[in-house]
C-alpha atoms as a PDB file:
ATOM      1  CA  MET A   1      -0.014  -0.353  -0.094  1.00  0.00           C
ATOM      2  CA  THR A   2       0.871   3.338  -0.478  1.00  0.00           C
ATOM      3  CA  THR A   3       2.818   5.487   3.119  1.00  0.00           C
ATOM      4  CA  GLU A   4      -0.269   7.179   3.700  1.00  0.00           C
ATOM      5  CA  TYR A   5      -2.391   4.155   3.998  1.00  0.00           C
ATOM      6  CA  THR A   6      -0.185   2.015   5.194  1.00  0.00           C
ATOM      7  CA  GLN A   7      -0.737   2.353   9.633  1.00  0.00           C
ATOM      8  CA  LEU A   8      -5.077   1.980   8.694  1.00  0.00           C
ATOM      9  CA  ALA A   9      -6.609  -1.131  10.027  1.00  0.00           C
ATOM     10  CA  PRO A  10      -7.897  -3.136   7.108  1.00  0.00           C
ATOM     11  CA  LYS A  11     -11.523  -2.349   7.972  1.00  0.00           C
ATOM     12  CA  VAL A  12     -10.772   0.968   7.253  1.00  0.00           C
ATOM     13  CA  VAL A  13      -9.378   0.563   4.564  1.00  0.00           C
ATOM     14  CA  PHE A  14     -12.233  -1.562   3.168  1.00  0.00           C
ATOM     15  CA  GLY A  15     -14.635   0.538   4.765  1.00  0.00           C
ATOM     16  CA  ALA A  16     -13.616   3.911   3.044  1.00  0.00           C
ATOM     17  CA  ASP A  17     -16.545   5.413   1.498  1.00  0.00           C
ATOM     18  CA  PRO A  18     -17.807   4.417  -0.920  1.00  0.00           C
ATOM     19  CA  ALA A  19     -17.053   0.511   0.315  1.00  0.00           C
ATOM     20  CA  PRO A  20     -16.440  -2.164  -1.649  1.00  0.00           C
ATOM     21  CA  LEU A  21     -19.063  -4.293  -2.562  1.00  0.00           C
ATOM     22  CA  ILE A  22     -18.979  -8.193  -2.429  1.00  0.00           C
ATOM     23  CA  LEU A  23     -20.359 -10.761  -4.801  1.00  0.00           C
ATOM     24  CA  SER A  24     -20.562 -13.748  -2.584  1.00  0.00           C
ATOM     25  CA  ARG A  25     -20.504 -16.447  -5.476  1.00  0.00           C
ATOM     26  CA  ARG A  26     -17.593 -16.237  -7.517  1.00  0.00           C
ATOM     27  CA  LYS A  27     -15.895 -14.430  -4.712  1.00  0.00           C
ATOM     28  CA  ILE A  28     -15.491 -10.973  -6.547  1.00  0.00           C
ATOM     29  CA  VAL A  29     -14.832  -7.410  -5.067  1.00  0.00           C
ATOM     30  CA  VAL A  30     -16.749  -4.240  -6.994  1.00  0.00           C
ATOM     31  CA  SER A  31     -15.774  -1.189  -6.238  1.00  0.00           C
ATOM     32  CA  PHE A  32     -16.735   2.484  -7.725  1.00  0.00           C
ATOM     33  CA  SER A  33     -16.663   5.705  -6.890  1.00  0.00           C
ATOM     34  CA  PRO A  34     -19.666   8.383  -7.704  1.00  0.00           C
ATOM     35  CA  LYS A  35     -19.455   9.807 -11.193  1.00  0.00           C
ATOM     36  CA  SER A  36     -18.328   6.287 -12.185  1.00  0.00           C
ATOM     37  CA  ALA A  37     -21.237   4.722 -13.376  1.00  0.00           C
ATOM     38  CA  CYS A  38     -21.804   3.304  -9.822  1.00  0.00           C
ATOM     39  CA  THR A  39     -25.783   3.199 -10.196  1.00  0.00           C
ATOM     40  CA  HIS A  40     -25.328   1.357 -13.077  1.00  0.00           C
ATOM     41  CA  THR A  41     -23.017  -1.372 -11.174  1.00  0.00           C
ATOM     42  CA  LEU A  42     -24.464  -0.801  -7.666  1.00  0.00           C
ATOM     43  CA  VAL A  43     -27.686  -2.040  -9.935  1.00  0.00           C
ATOM     44  CA  TRP A  44     -25.669  -5.276 -12.081  1.00  0.00           C
ATOM     45  CA  PHE A  45     -24.298  -6.045  -8.545  1.00  0.00           C
ATOM     46  CA  LEU A  46     -28.219  -6.442  -7.069  1.00  0.00           C
ATOM     47  CA  ARG A  47     -29.473  -8.710  -9.564  1.00  0.00           C
ATOM     48  CA  GLN A  48     -26.549 -11.078  -9.696  1.00  0.00           C
ATOM     49  CA  GLU A  49     -26.259 -11.420  -5.381  1.00  0.00           C
ATOM     50  CA  GLY A  50     -30.048 -11.626  -5.248  1.00  0.00           C
ATOM     51  CA  LEU A  51     -30.458  -7.940  -3.293  1.00  0.00           C
ATOM     52  CA  GLU A  52     -32.668  -6.291  -6.539  1.00  0.00           C
ATOM     53  CA  ASP A  53     -36.541  -6.359  -4.709  1.00  0.00           C
ATOM     54  CA  GLN A  54     -34.883  -6.002  -1.176  1.00  0.00           C
ATOM     55  CA  ALA A  55     -33.561  -2.690  -2.607  1.00  0.00           C
ATOM     56  CA  ARG A  56     -36.518  -1.394  -4.769  1.00  0.00           C
ATOM     57  CA  ASP A  57     -38.823  -2.678  -1.544  1.00  0.00           C
ATOM     58  CA  TYR A  58     -36.864   0.097   0.446  1.00  0.00           C
ATOM     59  CA  HIS A  59     -36.298   2.778  -1.028  1.00  0.00           C
ATOM     60  CA  GLN A  60     -36.322   3.955  -5.019  1.00  0.00           C
ATOM     61  CA  TRP A  61     -32.433   5.393  -4.676  1.00  0.00           C
ATOM     62  CA  PRO A  62     -30.490   2.395  -4.694  1.00  0.00           C
ATOM     63  CA  HIS A  63     -27.895   3.499  -2.584  1.00  0.00           C
ATOM     64  CA  ARG A  64     -29.698   4.004   0.202  1.00  0.00           C
ATOM     65  CA  PHE A  65     -29.988   0.607   0.276  1.00  0.00           C
ATOM     66  CA  ARG A  66     -26.298   0.310   0.183  1.00  0.00           C
ATOM     67  CA  VAL A  67     -25.037   2.493   2.268  1.00  0.00           C
ATOM     68  CA  ASN A  68     -28.322   1.752   4.887  1.00  0.00           C
ATOM     69  CA  CYS A  69     -28.721  -2.275   4.099  1.00  0.00           C
ATOM     70  CA  TYR A  70     -26.277  -3.946   2.958  1.00  0.00           C
ATOM     71  CA  TYR A  71     -23.152  -3.160   4.338  1.00  0.00           C
ATOM     72  CA  LYS A  72     -25.269  -4.385   7.868  1.00  0.00           C
ATOM     73  CA  LEU A  73     -25.815  -7.535   6.405  1.00  0.00           C
ATOM     74  CA  ASP A  74     -24.462 -10.665   8.043  1.00  0.00           C
ATOM     75  CA  ALA A  75     -23.491 -12.091   4.679  1.00  0.00           C
ATOM     76  CA  TYR A  76     -21.792  -8.893   3.781  1.00  0.00           C
ATOM     77  CA  SER A  77     -19.492  -9.021   7.430  1.00  0.00           C
ATOM     78  CA  ARG A  78     -18.372 -12.551   6.620  1.00  0.00           C
ATOM     79  CA  ASN A  79     -17.602 -12.170   2.985  1.00  0.00           C
ATOM     80  CA  LEU A  80     -15.576  -9.191   4.001  1.00  0.00           C
ATOM     81  CA  ALA A  81     -13.261 -10.565   7.075  1.00  0.00           C
ATOM     82  CA  ASP A  82     -12.622 -13.416   4.473  1.00  0.00           C
ATOM     83  CA  ALA A  83     -11.321 -11.066   2.139  1.00  0.00           C
ATOM     84  CA  ILE A  84      -9.247  -8.860   4.381  1.00  0.00           C
ATOM     85  CA  ALA A  85      -7.742 -12.379   5.176  1.00  0.00           C
ATOM     86  CA  HIS A  86      -7.323 -14.233   2.021  1.00  0.00           C
ATOM     87  CA  PRO A  87      -7.250 -11.500  -0.939  1.00  0.00           C
ATOM     88  CA  ALA A  88      -5.951 -13.160  -3.137  1.00  0.00           C
ATOM     89  CA  ASP A  89      -8.776 -15.733  -3.885  1.00  0.00           C
ATOM     90  CA  TYR A  90     -10.556 -12.429  -4.544  1.00  0.00           C
ATOM     91  CA  THR A  91     -11.054 -10.940  -7.793  1.00  0.00           C
ATOM     92  CA  LEU A  92     -10.775  -7.402  -7.590  1.00  0.00           C
ATOM     93  CA  LEU A  93     -13.605  -5.371 -10.494  1.00  0.00           C
ATOM     94  CA  LYS A  94     -13.117  -1.927 -10.262  1.00  0.00           C
ATOM     95  CA  VAL A  95     -15.618   0.322 -12.757  1.00  0.00           C
ATOM     96  CA  THR A  96     -13.756   4.357 -13.341  1.00  0.00           C
ATOM     97  CA  ARG A  97     -13.705   7.096 -15.177  1.00  0.00           C
ATOM     98  CA  THR A  98     -10.785   9.575 -17.557  1.00  0.00           C
ATOM     99  CA  PRO A  99     -10.370  11.516 -14.297  1.00  0.00           C
ATOM    100  CA  SER A 100     -10.955  14.985 -16.187  1.00  0.00           C
ATOM    101  CA  ASN A 101     -14.613  13.671 -17.449  1.00  0.00           C
ATOM    102  CA  ARG A 102     -15.438  12.763 -14.280  1.00  0.00           C
ATOM    103  CA  LEU A 103     -13.591  15.928 -12.695  1.00  0.00           C
ATOM    104  CA  VAL A 104     -16.706  17.870 -15.352  1.00  0.00           C
ATOM    105  CA  SER A 105     -19.387  15.666 -14.042  1.00  0.00           C
ATOM    106  CA  GLN A 106     -18.351  16.188 -10.654  1.00  0.00           C
ATOM    107  CA  TYR A 107     -18.664  19.724 -11.234  1.00  0.00           C
ATOM    108  CA  ARG A 108     -21.835  19.816 -12.473  1.00  0.00           C
ATOM    109  CA  HIS A 109     -23.050  17.286  -9.751  1.00  0.00           C
ATOM    110  CA  SER A 110     -21.766  20.130  -6.924  1.00  0.00           C
ATOM    111  CA  LEU A 111     -23.726  22.471  -8.644  1.00  0.00           C
ATOM    112  CA  ARG A 112     -26.683  20.732  -9.566  1.00  0.00           C
ATOM    113  CA  HIS A 113     -27.226  19.778  -5.793  1.00  0.00           C
ATOM    114  CA  ASN A 114     -25.296  22.877  -4.610  1.00  0.00           C
ATOM    115  CA  LEU A 115     -23.206  21.036  -2.940  1.00  0.00           C
ATOM    116  CA  VAL A 116     -20.216  23.771  -2.280  1.00  0.00           C
ATOM    117  CA  ASP A 117     -22.320  26.840  -2.331  1.00  0.00           C
ATOM    118  CA  ASP A 118     -21.765  28.206   0.694  1.00  0.00           C
ATOM    119  CA  ALA A 119     -17.577  27.591   0.583  1.00  0.00           C
ATOM    120  CA  MET A 120     -17.722  28.780  -3.145  1.00  0.00           C
ATOM    121  CA  SER A 121     -19.553  32.263  -1.883  1.00  0.00           C
ATOM    122  CA  ALA A 122     -16.957  32.563   1.245  1.00  0.00           C
ATOM    123  CA  ARG A 123     -14.116  32.076  -0.989  1.00  0.00           C
ATOM    124  CA  PHE A 124     -14.752  33.445  -3.814  1.00  0.00           C
ATOM    125  CA  ASP A 125     -16.909  36.131  -1.833  1.00  0.00           C
ATOM    126  CA  ILE A 126     -19.510  35.343  -5.125  1.00  0.00           C
ATOM    127  CA  ASP A 127     -23.499  34.226  -4.797  1.00  0.00           C
ATOM    128  CA  ALA A 128     -22.452  30.899  -6.113  1.00  0.00           C
ATOM    129  CA  LYS A 129     -26.551  30.231  -4.894  1.00  0.00           C
ATOM    130  CA  SER A 130     -28.190  32.158  -7.714  1.00  0.00           C
ATOM    131  CA  ASP A 131     -24.306  32.918  -9.829  1.00  0.00           C
ATOM    132  CA  GLY A 132     -23.444  29.832  -9.964  1.00  0.00           C
ATOM    133  CA  TYR A 133     -19.017  29.414 -10.639  1.00  0.00           C
ATOM    134  CA  SER A 134     -16.766  28.486 -12.942  1.00  0.00           C
ATOM    135  CA  LEU A 135     -14.597  24.851 -12.897  1.00  0.00           C
ATOM    136  CA  ALA A 136     -11.742  27.104 -12.174  1.00  0.00           C
ATOM    137  CA  GLN A 137     -12.916  28.541  -9.374  1.00  0.00           C
ATOM    138  CA  PHE A 138     -14.193  24.463  -8.793  1.00  0.00           C
ATOM    139  CA  SER A 139     -11.179  23.236  -8.986  1.00  0.00           C
ATOM    140  CA  HIS A 140      -9.349  25.868  -7.015  1.00  0.00           C
ATOM    141  CA  PHE A 141     -11.664  24.532  -4.259  1.00  0.00           C
ATOM    142  CA  LEU A 142     -10.668  21.281  -4.712  1.00  0.00           C
ATOM    143  CA  SER A 143      -7.300  21.819  -4.835  1.00  0.00           C
ATOM    144  CA  SER A 144      -7.442  23.194  -0.409  1.00  0.00           C
ATOM    145  CA  ILE A 145      -9.658  20.314   0.145  1.00  0.00           C
ATOM    146  CA  ASP A 146      -8.498  16.584   1.674  1.00  0.00           C
ATOM    147  CA  ARG A 147      -9.584  14.595  -1.519  1.00  0.00           C
ATOM    148  CA  ARG A 148      -8.692  10.923  -0.133  1.00  0.00           C
ATOM    149  CA  VAL A 149     -12.164   8.737   0.117  1.00  0.00           C
ATOM    150  CA  VAL A 150     -10.790   7.799   4.090  1.00  0.00           C
ATOM    151  CA  SER A 151     -11.304  11.626   4.840  1.00  0.00           C
ATOM    152  CA  ARG A 152     -14.558  12.831   5.660  1.00  0.00           C
ATOM    153  CA  THR A 153     -14.739  14.608   3.034  1.00  0.00           C
ATOM    154  CA  ASP A 154     -17.804  14.195   0.799  1.00  0.00           C
ATOM    155  CA  SER A 155     -16.825  11.048  -1.873  1.00  0.00           C
ATOM    156  CA  HIS A 156     -18.551  13.065  -4.285  1.00  0.00           C
ATOM    157  CA  LEU A 157     -15.449  15.106  -3.973  1.00  0.00           C
ATOM    158  CA  CYS A 158     -12.709  12.977  -3.756  1.00  0.00           C
ATOM    159  CA  GLU A 159     -10.666  10.653  -6.130  1.00  0.00           C
ATOM    160  CA  GLN A 160     -11.557   7.260  -7.438  1.00  0.00           C
ATOM    161  CA  PHE A 161      -8.828   5.943  -5.634  1.00  0.00           C
ATOM    162  CA  HIS A 162     -10.070   3.605  -2.853  1.00  0.00           C
ATOM    163  CA  PRO A 163      -7.046   1.834  -0.911  1.00  0.00           C
ATOM    164  CA  ALA A 164      -8.480  -1.756  -0.646  1.00  0.00           C
ATOM    165  CA  TRP A 165      -7.463  -1.758  -4.539  1.00  0.00           C
ATOM    166  CA  MET A 166      -3.619  -1.700  -2.985  1.00  0.00           C
ATOM    167  CA  PHE A 167      -4.833  -4.640  -1.317  1.00  0.00           C
ATOM    168  CA  PRO A 168      -3.019  -8.872  -3.198  1.00  0.00           C
ATOM    169  CA  PHE A 169      -5.979  -9.420  -5.008  1.00  0.00           C
ATOM    170  CA  GLY A 170      -5.624 -12.932  -6.806  1.00  0.00           C
ATOM    171  CA  GLN A 171      -6.783 -10.632 -10.094  1.00  0.00           C
ATOM    172  CA  VAL A 172      -7.365  -7.253 -11.185  1.00  0.00           C
ATOM    173  CA  ILE A 173     -10.034  -6.157 -13.630  1.00  0.00           C
ATOM    174  CA  THR A 174     -10.403  -2.077 -14.035  1.00  0.00           C
ATOM    175  CA  VAL A 175     -13.322  -0.648 -16.722  1.00  0.00           C
ATOM    176  CA  ASN A 176     -13.353   2.676 -17.514  1.00  0.00           C
ATOM    177  CA  ALA A 177     -16.605   4.086 -18.486  1.00  0.00           C
ATOM    178  CA  ASP A 178     -15.756   6.951 -20.415  1.00  0.00           C
ATOM    179  CA  THR A 179     -13.478   4.241 -23.212  1.00  0.00           C
ATOM    180  CA  HIS A 180     -15.533   0.991 -23.244  1.00  0.00           C
ATOM    181  CA  ASN A 181     -18.749  -0.101 -22.964  1.00  0.00           C
ATOM    182  CA  VAL A 182     -19.817  -0.725 -18.977  1.00  0.00           C
ATOM    183  CA  SER A 183     -22.807  -3.631 -19.608  1.00  0.00           C
ATOM    184  CA  ALA A 184     -20.894  -5.360 -22.747  1.00  0.00           C
ATOM    185  CA  CYS A 185     -18.118  -5.397 -20.039  1.00  0.00           C
ATOM    186  CA  LEU A 186     -19.526  -6.599 -16.916  1.00  0.00           C
ATOM    187  CA  ASN A 187     -21.166  -8.906 -19.652  1.00  0.00           C
ATOM    188  CA  GLN A 188     -17.676 -10.957 -19.817  1.00  0.00           C
ATOM    189  CA  VAL A 189     -17.633 -10.561 -16.823  1.00  0.00           C
ATOM    190  CA  GLU A 190     -20.194 -12.784 -16.213  1.00  0.00           C
ATOM    191  CA  GLU A 191     -19.148 -15.499 -18.950  1.00  0.00           C
ATOM    192  CA  ARG A 192     -15.707 -15.304 -17.542  1.00  0.00           C
ATOM    193  CA  PHE A 193     -17.322 -16.217 -14.060  1.00  0.00           C
ATOM    194  CA  ASP A 194     -19.957 -18.240 -15.262  1.00  0.00           C
ATOM    195  CA  LEU A 195     -22.594 -15.585 -13.672  1.00  0.00           C
ATOM    196  CA  PRO A 196     -26.045 -15.205 -15.174  1.00  0.00           C
ATOM    197  CA  VAL A 197     -26.475 -13.283 -18.155  1.00  0.00           C
ATOM    198  CA  THR A 198     -27.997  -9.863 -17.592  1.00  0.00           C
ATOM    199  CA  ASP A 199     -29.814  -8.277 -20.588  1.00  0.00           C
ATOM    200  CA  PHE A 200     -29.381  -5.097 -20.150  1.00  0.00           C
ATOM    201  CA  ARG A 201     -31.498  -3.885 -22.451  1.00  0.00           C
ATOM    202  CA  ASP A 202     -34.428  -5.091 -20.343  1.00  0.00           C
ATOM    203  CA  THR A 203     -36.239  -1.705 -18.782  1.00  0.00           C
ATOM    204  CA  SER A 204     -37.376  -3.559 -15.668  1.00  0.00           C
ATOM    205  CA  LEU A 205     -33.173  -3.866 -14.451  1.00  0.00           C
ATOM    206  CA  TYR A 206     -33.485   0.001 -13.962  1.00  0.00           C
ATOM    207  CA  GLY A 207     -37.099   0.897 -14.131  1.00  0.00           C
ATOM    208  CA  ALA A 208     -37.890   4.074 -12.198  1.00  0.00           C
ATOM    209  CA  TRP A 209     -33.910   4.013 -11.029  1.00  0.00           C
ATOM    210  CA  SER A 210     -33.606   5.589 -13.915  1.00  0.00           C
ATOM    211  CA  LYS A 211     -35.506   8.460 -13.648  1.00  0.00           C
ATOM    212  CA  ALA A 212     -33.154  10.182 -10.548  1.00  0.00           C
ATOM    213  CA  HIS A 213     -30.494  10.107 -13.385  1.00  0.00           C
ATOM    214  CA  HIS A 214     -31.597  13.352 -15.141  1.00  0.00           C
ATOM    215  CA  ARG A 215     -28.643  14.339 -18.269  1.00  0.00           C
ATOM    216  CA  PRO A 216     -28.986  17.729 -19.317  1.00  0.00           C
ATOM    217  CA  LYS A 217     -28.777  18.859 -22.967  1.00  0.00           C
ATOM    218  CA  GLU A 218     -25.494  18.865 -24.558  1.00  0.00           C
ATOM    219  CA  GLN A 219     -24.589  22.763 -24.777  1.00  0.00           C
ATOM    220  CA  ALA A 220     -23.311  24.141 -27.574  1.00  0.00           C
ATOM    221  CA  ALA A 221     -19.717  26.432 -27.102  1.00  0.00           C
ATOM    222  CA  ARG A 222     -16.840  27.112 -27.868  1.00  0.00           C
ATOM    223  CA  ALA A 223     -14.244  25.797 -25.332  1.00  0.00           C
ATOM    224  CA  ASP A 224     -11.699  28.453 -25.178  1.00  0.00           C
ATOM    225  CA  ASP A 225     -13.052  30.451 -22.582  1.00  0.00           C
ATOM    226  CA  LEU A 226     -15.608  27.587 -20.764  1.00  0.00           C
ATOM    227  CA  PHE A 227     -12.590  26.532 -17.911  1.00  0.00           C
ATOM    228  CA  PHE A 228     -12.885  30.395 -16.533  1.00  0.00           C
ATOM    229  CA  ARG A 229     -16.986  31.151 -17.353  1.00  0.00           C
ATOM    230  CA  PRO A 230     -19.245  30.141 -14.539  1.00  0.00           C
ATOM    231  CA  PHE A 231     -22.513  28.044 -15.192  1.00  0.00           C
ATOM    232  CA  SER A 232     -25.689  28.237 -12.129  1.00  0.00           C
ATOM    233  CA  LYS A 233     -27.473  25.170 -11.132  1.00  0.00           C
ATOM    234  CA  ALA A 234     -29.692  25.417 -13.645  1.00  0.00           C
ATOM    235  CA  ASP A 235     -27.590  25.133 -16.661  1.00  0.00           C
ATOM    236  CA  ALA A 236     -26.762  21.872 -14.609  1.00  0.00           C
ATOM    237  CA  LYS A 237     -29.789  20.746 -14.977  1.00  0.00           C
ATOM    238  CA  LEU A 238     -31.040  22.021 -18.676  1.00  0.00           C
ATOM    239  CA  SER A 239     -28.121  22.366 -20.982  1.00  0.00           C
ATOM    240  CA  PHE A 240     -24.329  22.397 -19.931  1.00  0.00           C
ATOM    241  CA  PRO A 241     -21.061  21.917 -22.440  1.00  0.00           C
ATOM    242  CA  THR A 242     -20.484  18.535 -20.905  1.00  0.00           C
ATOM    243  CA  ARG A 243     -18.392  17.435 -23.750  1.00  0.00           C
ATOM    244  CA  ALA A 244     -16.612  21.151 -24.805  1.00  0.00           C
ATOM    245  CA  LEU A 245     -15.406  20.633 -20.854  1.00  0.00           C
ATOM    246  CA  GLN A 246     -14.054  17.447 -21.148  1.00  0.00           C
ATOM    247  CA  SER A 247     -11.812  18.093 -24.351  1.00  0.00           C
ATOM    248  CA  HIS A 248     -10.414  21.304 -22.773  1.00  0.00           C
ATOM    249  CA  ALA A 249      -6.634  21.521 -22.089  1.00  0.00           C
ATOM    250  CA  ARG A 250      -7.422  22.841 -18.732  1.00  0.00           C
ATOM    251  CA  THR A 251      -9.494  20.220 -17.368  1.00  0.00           C
ATOM    252  CA  HIS A 252      -6.775  18.210 -18.087  1.00  0.00           C
ATOM    253  CA  ARG A 253      -4.398  19.735 -16.427  1.00  0.00           C
ATOM    254  CA  ALA A 254      -6.550  20.523 -13.521  1.00  0.00           C
ATOM    255  CA  ALA A 255      -7.677  17.028 -13.513  1.00  0.00           C
ATOM    256  CA  ASP A 256      -3.897  15.676 -13.681  1.00  0.00           C
ATOM    257  CA  GLN A 257      -3.155  18.142 -10.962  1.00  0.00           C
ATOM    258  CA  LEU A 258      -5.905  17.278  -8.659  1.00  0.00           C
ATOM    259  CA  PHE A 259      -6.010  12.857  -9.188  1.00  0.00           C
ATOM    260  CA  PRO A 260      -2.634  11.680  -9.861  1.00  0.00           C
ATOM    261  CA  LEU A 261      -3.763   8.490  -8.644  1.00  0.00           C
ATOM    262  CA  ASP A 262      -6.451   8.102 -10.649  1.00  0.00           C
ATOM    263  CA  ALA A 263      -4.322   8.129 -14.151  1.00  0.00           C
ATOM    264  CA  ARG A 264      -2.551   5.154 -12.632  1.00  0.00           C
ATOM    265  CA  HIS A 265      -5.878   2.993 -11.423  1.00  0.00           C
ATOM    266  CA  SER A 266      -8.750   3.987 -14.091  1.00  0.00           C
ATOM    267  CA  GLU A 267      -7.410   2.499 -17.785  1.00  0.00           C
ATOM    268  CA  THR A 268      -9.572  -0.635 -19.027  1.00  0.00           C
ATOM    269  CA  SER A 269      -7.082  -3.617 -18.342  1.00  0.00           C
ATOM    270  CA  ALA A 270      -6.789  -7.223 -19.522  1.00  0.00           C
ATOM    271  CA  ASP A 271      -5.216  -8.494 -16.754  1.00  0.00           C
ATOM    272  CA  PHE A 272      -6.752 -11.756 -15.389  1.00  0.00           C
ATOM    273  CA  ALA A 273      -6.432 -14.922 -16.591  1.00  0.00           C
ATOM    274  CA  GLY A 274      -5.127 -14.285 -20.086  1.00  0.00           C
ATOM    275  CA  ALA A 275      -8.953 -13.221 -20.905  1.00  0.00           C
ATOM    276  CA  CYS A 276      -9.442  -9.206 -22.208  1.00  0.00           C
ATOM    277  CA  ILE A 277     -11.954  -6.888 -21.593  1.00  0.00           C
ATOM    278  CA  ASP A 278     -12.700  -5.774 -24.931  1.00  0.00           C
ATOM    279  CA  ALA A 279     -15.957  -3.802 -24.976  1.00  0.00           C
ATOM    280  CA  PRO A 280     -14.760  -0.347 -26.887  1.00  0.00           C
ATOM    281  CA  ARG A 281     -17.592   2.806 -26.400  1.00  0.00           C
ATOM    282  CA  THR A 282     -19.220   3.552 -29.451  1.00  0.00           C
ATOM    283  CA  THR A 283     -21.026   7.001 -29.744  1.00  0.00           C
ATOM    284  CA  GLY A 284     -24.081   7.701 -27.483  1.00  0.00           C
ATOM    285  CA  ARG A 285     -23.781   6.440 -23.889  1.00  0.00           C
ATOM    286  CA  ALA A 286     -22.775   3.253 -22.071  1.00  0.00           C
ATOM    287  CA  SER A 287     -25.398   3.597 -19.679  1.00  0.00           C
ATOM    288  CA  PRO A 288     -29.051   3.374 -19.517  1.00  0.00           C
ATOM    289  CA  MET A 289     -29.657   4.819 -16.696  1.00  0.00           C
ATOM    290  CA  ALA A 290     -28.355   8.212 -18.522  1.00  0.00           C
ATOM    291  CA  ALA A 291     -32.058   7.726 -20.734  1.00  0.00           C
END
């Protein structure tokens, strides 16, 4: 493990938000971060683990079940203890994003949900609630806070890197949701580990859960000054220049500076038993959750 995590107890490492899930039938540790196809992956996991109906009955938002119920299950406690004691028997499946693309998603999420309005208003002497703030200002704010997942910072503002990734798992599979189709990759994982195959075209799989994943209309904009242009909550909900901001050179530089570990751990890999995750993204979204 990296030096800053070596003194932490294993349960603290695994408990960092969001704590990994454990697919008990095939000893697969599933890890993701907010704004990294997390809901898409979680819904797939709940179906594979036989918890889909319980999650739907508990709340319309599946992460509520994950946080309030799943981690408290006796089965999870037993699986977690076994994974900590025998990591070589487990496969780590992590779903990631390209850091610069995720930074734009973090920015839009913060605008839409008023996540850091008070802090931004105080730091830059602005009215963030009504006028919004720029990606430059948001990046500057992130540079001043603890972005590790083991901190008390909201996980939507933290890096993707999870200290549990450093455990000596027997196999590691990384799926980057920006470069590869997550559904197709999960289907390949199912085939490789002899799991029931999920039909991601089945609308009942996501149902009402997909309504919470509103995606704003793509705003046509020149990329030259976007990094410094303030955007508001209304922009984040209705019309937002996602692609232009993602391609901006300053966005890439900011992400490299803010999340250096993410760049080293986010690329889709083909490092399990000689098999290959090979489902590159085509046009359109990788996840039906964005419909």
